[in-house]
Amino acid sequence: MDTLSFTELDRRLRAVPDGPSGILNTPPIYRRANIVGGIAAVATLIPFVLVHVMTPGQWMITWAQISFSVFLLALLPDMVRSYGVLGWTLWTWRADQVSQLDHDLPQFHTILTWLSERPTSDLQEHQRLARLMLPQISAKIGLFTGGLERLGVLPVLVSAYLFFRNWDELMEMPYWQLIIGFGLILFYFVMMVGNLKRIRLHLYESLLSEALTMKTQRETVTR
């Protein structure tokens, strides 16, 4: 009998075939592009630091312009794909939902069967931890980003506007705009990672709760 752990539960979830909803997953090439975009965002900040310790030069502006262009170009394909997929799924939502449910039912039944065979105390302990972590993650996201998590990709667009507005004079960009520009980019990545963690925890908690219900019903029938 396998020992219950979040590591084993996550391994089994990752082994489940994606099915029709696989279109929502970010392909590896786009994930790599997002990493490149994150590196480029950090590289964009470097000239703004160097200008305070070195003699300002045109090369600093060129560096910042190239880095920010790479940042936008790296994130653009994933953004375009995401909104394209969103439009397609809104158009075909009914058929996609039915197909995905039919696909998921036997897969999750297998996982729930495995969970319901674990000791009740283990299930309850893991469920309590998942429930405890959910509000903590939400609180951390809210503390760091405020209400920006509801804006989706809008912070990146605002940041792009601020930088393009000062494109020819980046080194003279007002500090408040610079702080807002980089802050919005940072908020976007924090929101993306935080929301992915929250979604995953919701899934863990739901599966554990359902497994406990199944286990209770089965024990009631056998009495």
C-alpha atoms as a PDB file:
ATOM      1  CA  MET A   1       0.000   0.000   0.000  1.00  0.00           C
ATOM      2  CA  ASP A   2       1.466   3.365  -1.086  1.00  0.00           C
ATOM      3  CA  THR A   3       1.937   5.964   1.634  1.00  0.00           C
ATOM      4  CA  LEU A   4      -0.215   9.039   1.147  1.00  0.00           C
ATOM      5  CA  SER A   5       1.768  12.176   0.382  1.00  0.00           C
ATOM      6  CA  PHE A   6       1.239  15.271  -1.708  1.00  0.00           C
ATOM      7  CA  THR A   7       4.220  14.184  -3.806  1.00  0.00           C
ATOM      8  CA  GLU A   8       2.560  10.884  -4.709  1.00  0.00           C
ATOM      9  CA  LEU A   9      -0.808  12.544  -5.285  1.00  0.00           C
ATOM     10  CA  ASP A  10       0.762  15.108  -7.600  1.00  0.00           C
ATOM     11  CA  ARG A  11       2.656  12.372  -9.464  1.00  0.00           C
ATOM     12  CA  ARG A  12      -0.586  10.518 -10.130  1.00  0.00           C
ATOM     13  CA  LEU A  13      -2.306  13.712 -11.267  1.00  0.00           C
ATOM     14  CA  ARG A  14       0.531  14.520 -13.660  1.00  0.00           C
ATOM     15  CA  ALA A  15       0.254  10.997 -15.072  1.00  0.00           C
ATOM     16  CA  VAL A  16      -3.379  11.626 -16.078  1.00  0.00           C
ATOM     17  CA  PRO A  17      -3.625  12.266 -19.849  1.00  0.00           C
ATOM     18  CA  ASP A  18      -4.708  15.810 -20.630  1.00  0.00           C
ATOM     19  CA  GLY A  19      -7.585  14.931 -22.908  1.00  0.00           C
ATOM     20  CA  PRO A  20      -9.459  17.720 -24.734  1.00  0.00           C
ATOM     21  CA  SER A  21      -8.382  20.323 -22.160  1.00  0.00           C
ATOM     22  CA  GLY A  22      -4.764  19.783 -23.145  1.00  0.00           C
ATOM     23  CA  ILE A  23      -5.154  22.772 -25.436  1.00  0.00           C
ATOM     24  CA  LEU A  24      -5.186  24.960 -22.320  1.00  0.00           C
ATOM     25  CA  ASN A  25      -1.723  23.793 -21.253  1.00  0.00           C
ATOM     26  CA  THR A  26       1.190  26.024 -22.137  1.00  0.00           C
ATOM     27  CA  PRO A  27       3.443  24.154 -24.613  1.00  0.00           C
ATOM     28  CA  PRO A  28       7.102  23.732 -23.549  1.00  0.00           C
ATOM     29  CA  ILE A  29       8.353  26.184 -26.170  1.00  0.00           C
ATOM     30  CA  TYR A  30       6.112  28.918 -24.739  1.00  0.00           C
ATOM     31  CA  ARG A  31       7.262  28.144 -21.196  1.00  0.00           C
ATOM     32  CA  ARG A  32      10.855  28.548 -22.331  1.00  0.00           C
ATOM     33  CA  ALA A  33       9.907  31.823 -23.994  1.00  0.00           C
ATOM     34  CA  ASN A  34       8.380  33.023 -20.716  1.00  0.00           C
ATOM     35  CA  ILE A  35      11.651  32.232 -18.941  1.00  0.00           C
ATOM     36  CA  VAL A  36      13.540  34.206 -21.569  1.00  0.00           C
ATOM     37  CA  GLY A  37      11.052  37.048 -21.060  1.00  0.00           C
ATOM     38  CA  GLY A  38      11.694  37.020 -17.315  1.00  0.00           C
ATOM     39  CA  ILE A  39      15.465  37.187 -17.856  1.00  0.00           C
ATOM     40  CA  ALA A  40      15.003  40.013 -20.369  1.00  0.00           C
ATOM     41  CA  ALA A  41      12.864  41.930 -17.853  1.00  0.00           C
ATOM     42  CA  VAL A  42      15.704  41.761 -15.314  1.00  0.00           C
ATOM     43  CA  ALA A  43      18.214  42.752 -17.999  1.00  0.00           C
ATOM     44  CA  THR A  44      16.076  45.801 -18.799  1.00  0.00           C
ATOM     45  CA  LEU A  45      16.539  47.033 -15.236  1.00  0.00           C
ATOM     46  CA  ILE A  46      20.351  46.831 -15.288  1.00  0.00           C
ATOM     47  CA  PRO A  47      20.994  50.047 -17.314  1.00  0.00           C
ATOM     48  CA  PHE A  48      18.810  52.004 -14.891  1.00  0.00           C
ATOM     49  CA  VAL A  49      21.114  50.849 -12.106  1.00  0.00           C
ATOM     50  CA  LEU A  50      24.326  51.409 -14.053  1.00  0.00           C
ATOM     51  CA  VAL A  51      23.390  54.997 -14.874  1.00  0.00           C
ATOM     52  CA  HIS A  52      23.909  55.851 -11.192  1.00  0.00           C
ATOM     53  CA  VAL A  53      27.418  54.373 -10.991  1.00  0.00           C
ATOM     54  CA  MET A  54      28.757  55.051 -14.495  1.00  0.00           C
ATOM     55  CA  THR A  55      28.760  57.838 -17.035  1.00  0.00           C
ATOM     56  CA  PRO A  56      25.455  57.678 -18.939  1.00  0.00           C
ATOM     57  CA  GLY A  57      25.805  56.608 -22.555  1.00  0.00           C
ATOM     58  CA  GLN A  58      23.710  55.813 -25.581  1.00  0.00           C
ATOM     59  CA  TRP A  59      24.586  52.141 -25.165  1.00  0.00           C
ATOM     60  CA  MET A  60      22.561  52.071 -21.942  1.00  0.00           C
ATOM     61  CA  ILE A  61      19.444  53.233 -23.784  1.00  0.00           C
ATOM     62  CA  THR A  62      20.078  50.702 -26.555  1.00  0.00           C
ATOM     63  CA  TRP A  63      20.565  47.943 -23.977  1.00  0.00           C
ATOM     64  CA  ALA A  64      17.291  48.806 -22.230  1.00  0.00           C
ATOM     65  CA  GLN A  65      15.409  49.069 -25.527  1.00  0.00           C
ATOM     66  CA  ILE A  66      16.675  45.711 -26.786  1.00  0.00           C
ATOM     67  CA  SER A  67      16.051  43.954 -23.465  1.00  0.00           C
ATOM     68  CA  PHE A  68      12.519  45.296 -23.184  1.00  0.00           C
ATOM     69  CA  SER A  69      11.810  44.391 -26.814  1.00  0.00           C
ATOM     70  CA  VAL A  70      12.990  40.830 -26.133  1.00  0.00           C
ATOM     71  CA  PHE A  71      10.763  40.747 -23.043  1.00  0.00           C
ATOM     72  CA  LEU A  72       7.679  41.726 -25.038  1.00  0.00           C
ATOM     73  CA  LEU A  73       8.492  39.486 -27.994  1.00  0.00           C
ATOM     74  CA  ALA A  74       9.080  36.524 -25.680  1.00  0.00           C
ATOM     75  CA  LEU A  75       5.732  36.972 -23.907  1.00  0.00           C
ATOM     76  CA  LEU A  76       3.722  37.973 -26.984  1.00  0.00           C
ATOM     77  CA  PRO A  77       3.325  34.469 -28.534  1.00  0.00           C
ATOM     78  CA  ASP A  78       1.964  33.020 -25.298  1.00  0.00           C
ATOM     79  CA  MET A  79      -0.408  35.977 -24.847  1.00  0.00           C
ATOM     80  CA  VAL A  80      -1.688  35.674 -28.416  1.00  0.00           C
ATOM     81  CA  ARG A  81      -2.095  31.921 -28.043  1.00  0.00           C
ATOM     82  CA  SER A  82      -3.858  32.293 -24.677  1.00  0.00           C
ATOM     83  CA  TYR A  83      -6.454  34.716 -26.035  1.00  0.00           C
ATOM     84  CA  GLY A  84      -6.840  32.642 -29.195  1.00  0.00           C
ATOM     85  CA  VAL A  85      -7.480  29.529 -27.101  1.00  0.00           C
ATOM     86  CA  LEU A  86      -9.840  31.529 -24.885  1.00  0.00           C
ATOM     87  CA  GLY A  87     -11.850  32.619 -27.906  1.00  0.00           C
ATOM     88  CA  TRP A  88     -11.984  29.074 -29.274  1.00  0.00           C
ATOM     89  CA  THR A  89     -13.036  27.544 -25.951  1.00  0.00           C
ATOM     90  CA  LEU A  90     -15.752  30.182 -25.517  1.00  0.00           C
ATOM     91  CA  TRP A  91     -17.089  29.182 -28.920  1.00  0.00           C
ATOM     92  CA  THR A  92     -16.950  25.416 -28.289  1.00  0.00           C
ATOM     93  CA  TRP A  93     -17.351  25.374 -24.497  1.00  0.00           C
ATOM     94  CA  ARG A  94     -20.303  22.977 -24.362  1.00  0.00           C
ATOM     95  CA  ALA A  95     -18.767  20.204 -26.484  1.00  0.00           C
ATOM     96  CA  ASP A  96     -15.365  20.674 -24.858  1.00  0.00           C
ATOM     97  CA  GLN A  97     -16.813  20.473 -21.359  1.00  0.00           C
ATOM     98  CA  VAL A  98     -18.751  17.278 -22.074  1.00  0.00           C
ATOM     99  CA  SER A  99     -15.761  15.623 -23.747  1.00  0.00           C
ATOM    100  CA  GLN A 100     -13.436  16.590 -20.909  1.00  0.00           C
ATOM    101  CA  LEU A 101     -15.837  15.304 -18.238  1.00  0.00           C
ATOM    102  CA  ASP A 102     -16.187  11.958 -20.047  1.00  0.00           C
ATOM    103  CA  HIS A 103     -12.394  11.771 -20.278  1.00  0.00           C
ATOM    104  CA  ASP A 104     -11.758  12.765 -16.654  1.00  0.00           C
ATOM    105  CA  LEU A 105     -14.347  10.512 -15.008  1.00  0.00           C
ATOM    106  CA  PRO A 106     -12.448   7.183 -15.187  1.00  0.00           C
ATOM    107  CA  GLN A 107      -9.100   8.920 -14.574  1.00  0.00           C
ATOM    108  CA  PHE A 108     -10.188  10.637 -11.391  1.00  0.00           C
ATOM    109  CA  HIS A 109     -12.145   7.586 -10.275  1.00  0.00           C
ATOM    110  CA  THR A 110      -8.846   5.691 -10.265  1.00  0.00           C
ATOM    111  CA  ILE A 111      -7.177   8.397  -8.168  1.00  0.00           C
ATOM    112  CA  LEU A 112     -10.143   8.643  -5.793  1.00  0.00           C
ATOM    113  CA  THR A 113     -10.169   4.867  -5.360  1.00  0.00           C
ATOM    114  CA  TRP A 114      -6.492   4.962  -4.439  1.00  0.00           C
ATOM    115  CA  LEU A 115      -7.055   7.829  -2.006  1.00  0.00           C
ATOM    116  CA  SER A 116     -10.059   6.194  -0.362  1.00  0.00           C
ATOM    117  CA  GLU A 117      -7.880   3.145   0.427  1.00  0.00           C
ATOM    118  CA  ARG A 118      -5.561   5.295   2.533  1.00  0.00           C
ATOM    119  CA  PRO A 119      -6.122   5.572   6.307  1.00  0.00           C
ATOM    120  CA  THR A 120      -8.786   8.075   7.327  1.00  0.00           C
ATOM    121  CA  SER A 121      -6.389   9.891   9.647  1.00  0.00           C
ATOM    122  CA  ASP A 122      -3.939  10.456   6.778  1.00  0.00           C
ATOM    123  CA  LEU A 123      -6.680  11.782   4.513  1.00  0.00           C
ATOM    124  CA  GLN A 124      -7.941  14.151   7.198  1.00  0.00           C
ATOM    125  CA  GLU A 125      -4.435  15.400   7.978  1.00  0.00           C
ATOM    126  CA  HIS A 126      -3.661  16.173   4.337  1.00  0.00           C
ATOM    127  CA  GLN A 127      -7.082  17.742   3.835  1.00  0.00           C
ATOM    128  CA  ARG A 128      -6.607  20.036   6.834  1.00  0.00           C
ATOM    129  CA  LEU A 129      -3.200  21.120   5.544  1.00  0.00           C
ATOM    130  CA  ALA A 130      -4.562  21.872   2.058  1.00  0.00           C
ATOM    131  CA  ARG A 131      -7.429  23.898   3.561  1.00  0.00           C
ATOM    132  CA  LEU A 132      -4.993  25.732   5.821  1.00  0.00           C
ATOM    133  CA  MET A 133      -2.698  26.672   2.955  1.00  0.00           C
ATOM    134  CA  LEU A 134      -5.428  27.948   0.618  1.00  0.00           C
ATOM    135  CA  PRO A 135      -6.320  31.109   2.587  1.00  0.00           C
ATOM    136  CA  GLN A 136      -2.635  31.700   3.337  1.00  0.00           C
ATOM    137  CA  ILE A 137      -1.748  31.718  -0.366  1.00  0.00           C
ATOM    138  CA  SER A 138      -4.710  33.988  -1.124  1.00  0.00           C
ATOM    139  CA  ALA A 139      -3.646  36.335   1.675  1.00  0.00           C
ATOM    140  CA  LYS A 140      -0.053  36.434   0.426  1.00  0.00           C
ATOM    141  CA  ILE A 141      -1.144  37.169  -3.133  1.00  0.00           C
ATOM    142  CA  GLY A 142      -3.527  39.863  -1.924  1.00  0.00           C
ATOM    143  CA  LEU A 143      -0.890  41.403   0.357  1.00  0.00           C
ATOM    144  CA  PHE A 144       1.657  41.622  -2.437  1.00  0.00           C
ATOM    145  CA  THR A 145      -0.542  42.542  -5.401  1.00  0.00           C
ATOM    146  CA  GLY A 146      -3.692  44.008  -3.868  1.00  0.00           C
ATOM    147  CA  GLY A 147      -6.527  43.777  -6.378  1.00  0.00           C
ATOM    148  CA  LEU A 148      -4.227  43.565  -9.418  1.00  0.00           C
ATOM    149  CA  GLU A 149      -4.694  39.788  -9.628  1.00  0.00           C
ATOM    150  CA  ARG A 150      -8.113  40.419 -11.187  1.00  0.00           C
ATOM    151  CA  LEU A 151      -6.624  42.406 -14.072  1.00  0.00           C
ATOM    152  CA  GLY A 152      -4.997  39.497 -15.915  1.00  0.00           C
ATOM    153  CA  VAL A 153      -2.485  40.650 -18.532  1.00  0.00           C
ATOM    154  CA  LEU A 154      -3.456  44.342 -18.200  1.00  0.00           C
ATOM    155  CA  PRO A 155      -0.475  45.183 -15.891  1.00  0.00           C
ATOM    156  CA  VAL A 156       1.957  44.060 -18.628  1.00  0.00           C
ATOM    157  CA  LEU A 157       0.161  46.231 -21.182  1.00  0.00           C
ATOM    158  CA  VAL A 158       0.317  49.260 -18.874  1.00  0.00           C
ATOM    159  CA  SER A 159       4.021  48.623 -18.279  1.00  0.00           C
ATOM    160  CA  ALA A 160       4.620  48.393 -22.039  1.00  0.00           C
ATOM    161  CA  TYR A 161       2.796  51.698 -22.547  1.00  0.00           C
ATOM    162  CA  LEU A 162       4.963  53.463 -19.960  1.00  0.00           C
ATOM    163  CA  PHE A 163       8.197  52.228 -21.530  1.00  0.00           C
ATOM    164  CA  PHE A 164       7.159  52.955 -25.119  1.00  0.00           C
ATOM    165  CA  ARG A 165       6.013  56.409 -24.044  1.00  0.00           C
ATOM    166  CA  ASN A 166       9.606  57.160 -22.989  1.00  0.00           C
ATOM    167  CA  TRP A 167      11.262  54.996 -25.658  1.00  0.00           C
ATOM    168  CA  ASP A 168      13.749  57.608 -26.898  1.00  0.00           C
ATOM    169  CA  GLU A 169      14.622  58.901 -23.423  1.00  0.00           C
ATOM    170  CA  LEU A 170      14.537  55.797 -21.251  1.00  0.00           C
ATOM    171  CA  MET A 171      17.369  56.992 -18.992  1.00  0.00           C
ATOM    172  CA  GLU A 172      15.356  60.127 -18.228  1.00  0.00           C
ATOM    173  CA  MET A 173      12.189  58.204 -17.479  1.00  0.00           C
ATOM    174  CA  PRO A 174      10.580  59.534 -14.252  1.00  0.00           C
ATOM    175  CA  TYR A 175      11.303  57.316 -11.273  1.00  0.00           C
ATOM    176  CA  TRP A 176       7.645  56.892 -10.435  1.00  0.00           C
ATOM    177  CA  GLN A 177       6.950  55.565 -13.931  1.00  0.00           C
ATOM    178  CA  LEU A 178      10.004  53.322 -13.735  1.00  0.00           C
ATOM    179  CA  ILE A 179       8.874  51.867 -10.417  1.00  0.00           C
ATOM    180  CA  ILE A 180       5.332  51.340 -11.684  1.00  0.00           C
ATOM    181  CA  GLY A 181       6.571  49.789 -14.939  1.00  0.00           C
ATOM    182  CA  PHE A 182       8.835  47.202 -13.308  1.00  0.00           C
ATOM    183  CA  GLY A 183       6.459  46.716 -10.399  1.00  0.00           C
ATOM    184  CA  LEU A 184       3.594  45.754 -12.712  1.00  0.00           C
ATOM    185  CA  ILE A 185       5.786  43.217 -14.510  1.00  0.00           C
ATOM    186  CA  LEU A 186       6.847  41.716 -11.180  1.00  0.00           C
ATOM    187  CA  PHE A 187       3.231  41.653  -9.984  1.00  0.00           C
ATOM    188  CA  TYR A 188       2.203  39.796 -13.157  1.00  0.00           C
ATOM    189  CA  PHE A 189       4.693  36.972 -12.608  1.00  0.00           C
ATOM    190  CA  VAL A 190       3.846  36.744  -8.900  1.00  0.00           C
ATOM    191  CA  MET A 191       0.120  36.598  -9.691  1.00  0.00           C
ATOM    192  CA  MET A 192       0.639  33.935 -12.339  1.00  0.00           C
ATOM    193  CA  VAL A 193       2.675  31.656 -10.052  1.00  0.00           C
ATOM    194  CA  GLY A 194       0.460  32.318  -7.020  1.00  0.00           C
ATOM    195  CA  ASN A 195      -2.759  31.547  -8.885  1.00  0.00           C
ATOM    196  CA  LEU A 196      -1.309  28.330 -10.320  1.00  0.00           C
ATOM    197  CA  LYS A 197      -0.410  27.228  -6.785  1.00  0.00           C
ATOM    198  CA  ARG A 198      -3.878  28.142  -5.539  1.00  0.00           C
ATOM    199  CA  ILE A 199      -5.600  26.198  -8.330  1.00  0.00           C
ATOM    200  CA  ARG A 200      -3.474  23.143  -7.577  1.00  0.00           C
ATOM    201  CA  LEU A 201      -4.255  23.311  -3.864  1.00  0.00           C
ATOM    202  CA  HIS A 202      -7.964  23.556  -4.641  1.00  0.00           C
ATOM    203  CA  LEU A 203      -7.656  20.352  -6.651  1.00  0.00           C
ATOM    204  CA  TYR A 204      -5.822  18.548  -3.835  1.00  0.00           C
ATOM    205  CA  GLU A 205      -8.398  19.649  -1.272  1.00  0.00           C
ATOM    206  CA  SER A 206     -11.344  18.645  -3.476  1.00  0.00           C
ATOM    207  CA  LEU A 207      -9.922  15.183  -4.164  1.00  0.00           C
ATOM    208  CA  LEU A 208      -9.145  14.570  -0.500  1.00  0.00           C
ATOM    209  CA  SER A 209     -12.634  15.681   0.537  1.00  0.00           C
ATOM    210  CA  GLU A 210     -14.272  13.419  -2.034  1.00  0.00           C
ATOM    211  CA  ALA A 211     -12.048  10.497  -1.014  1.00  0.00           C
ATOM    212  CA  LEU A 212     -13.094  10.946   2.616  1.00  0.00           C
ATOM    213  CA  THR A 213     -16.753  10.964   1.559  1.00  0.00           C
ATOM    214  CA  MET A 214     -16.271   7.783  -0.488  1.00  0.00           C
ATOM    215  CA  LYS A 215     -14.468   6.107   2.383  1.00  0.00           C
ATOM    216  CA  THR A 216     -17.205   7.050   4.864  1.00  0.00           C
ATOM    217  CA  GLN A 217     -19.965   5.792   2.547  1.00  0.00           C
ATOM    218  CA  ARG A 218     -18.137   2.522   1.929  1.00  0.00           C
ATOM    219  CA  GLU A 219     -17.584   1.924   5.642  1.00  0.00           C
ATOM    220  CA  THR A 220     -21.266   2.682   6.334  1.00  0.00           C
ATOM    221  CA  VAL A 221     -22.412   0.118   3.748  1.00  0.00           C
ATOM    222  CA  THR A 222     -20.130  -2.617   5.104  1.00  0.00           C
ATOM    223  CA  ARG A 223     -21.442  -2.268   8.666  1.00  0.00           C
END
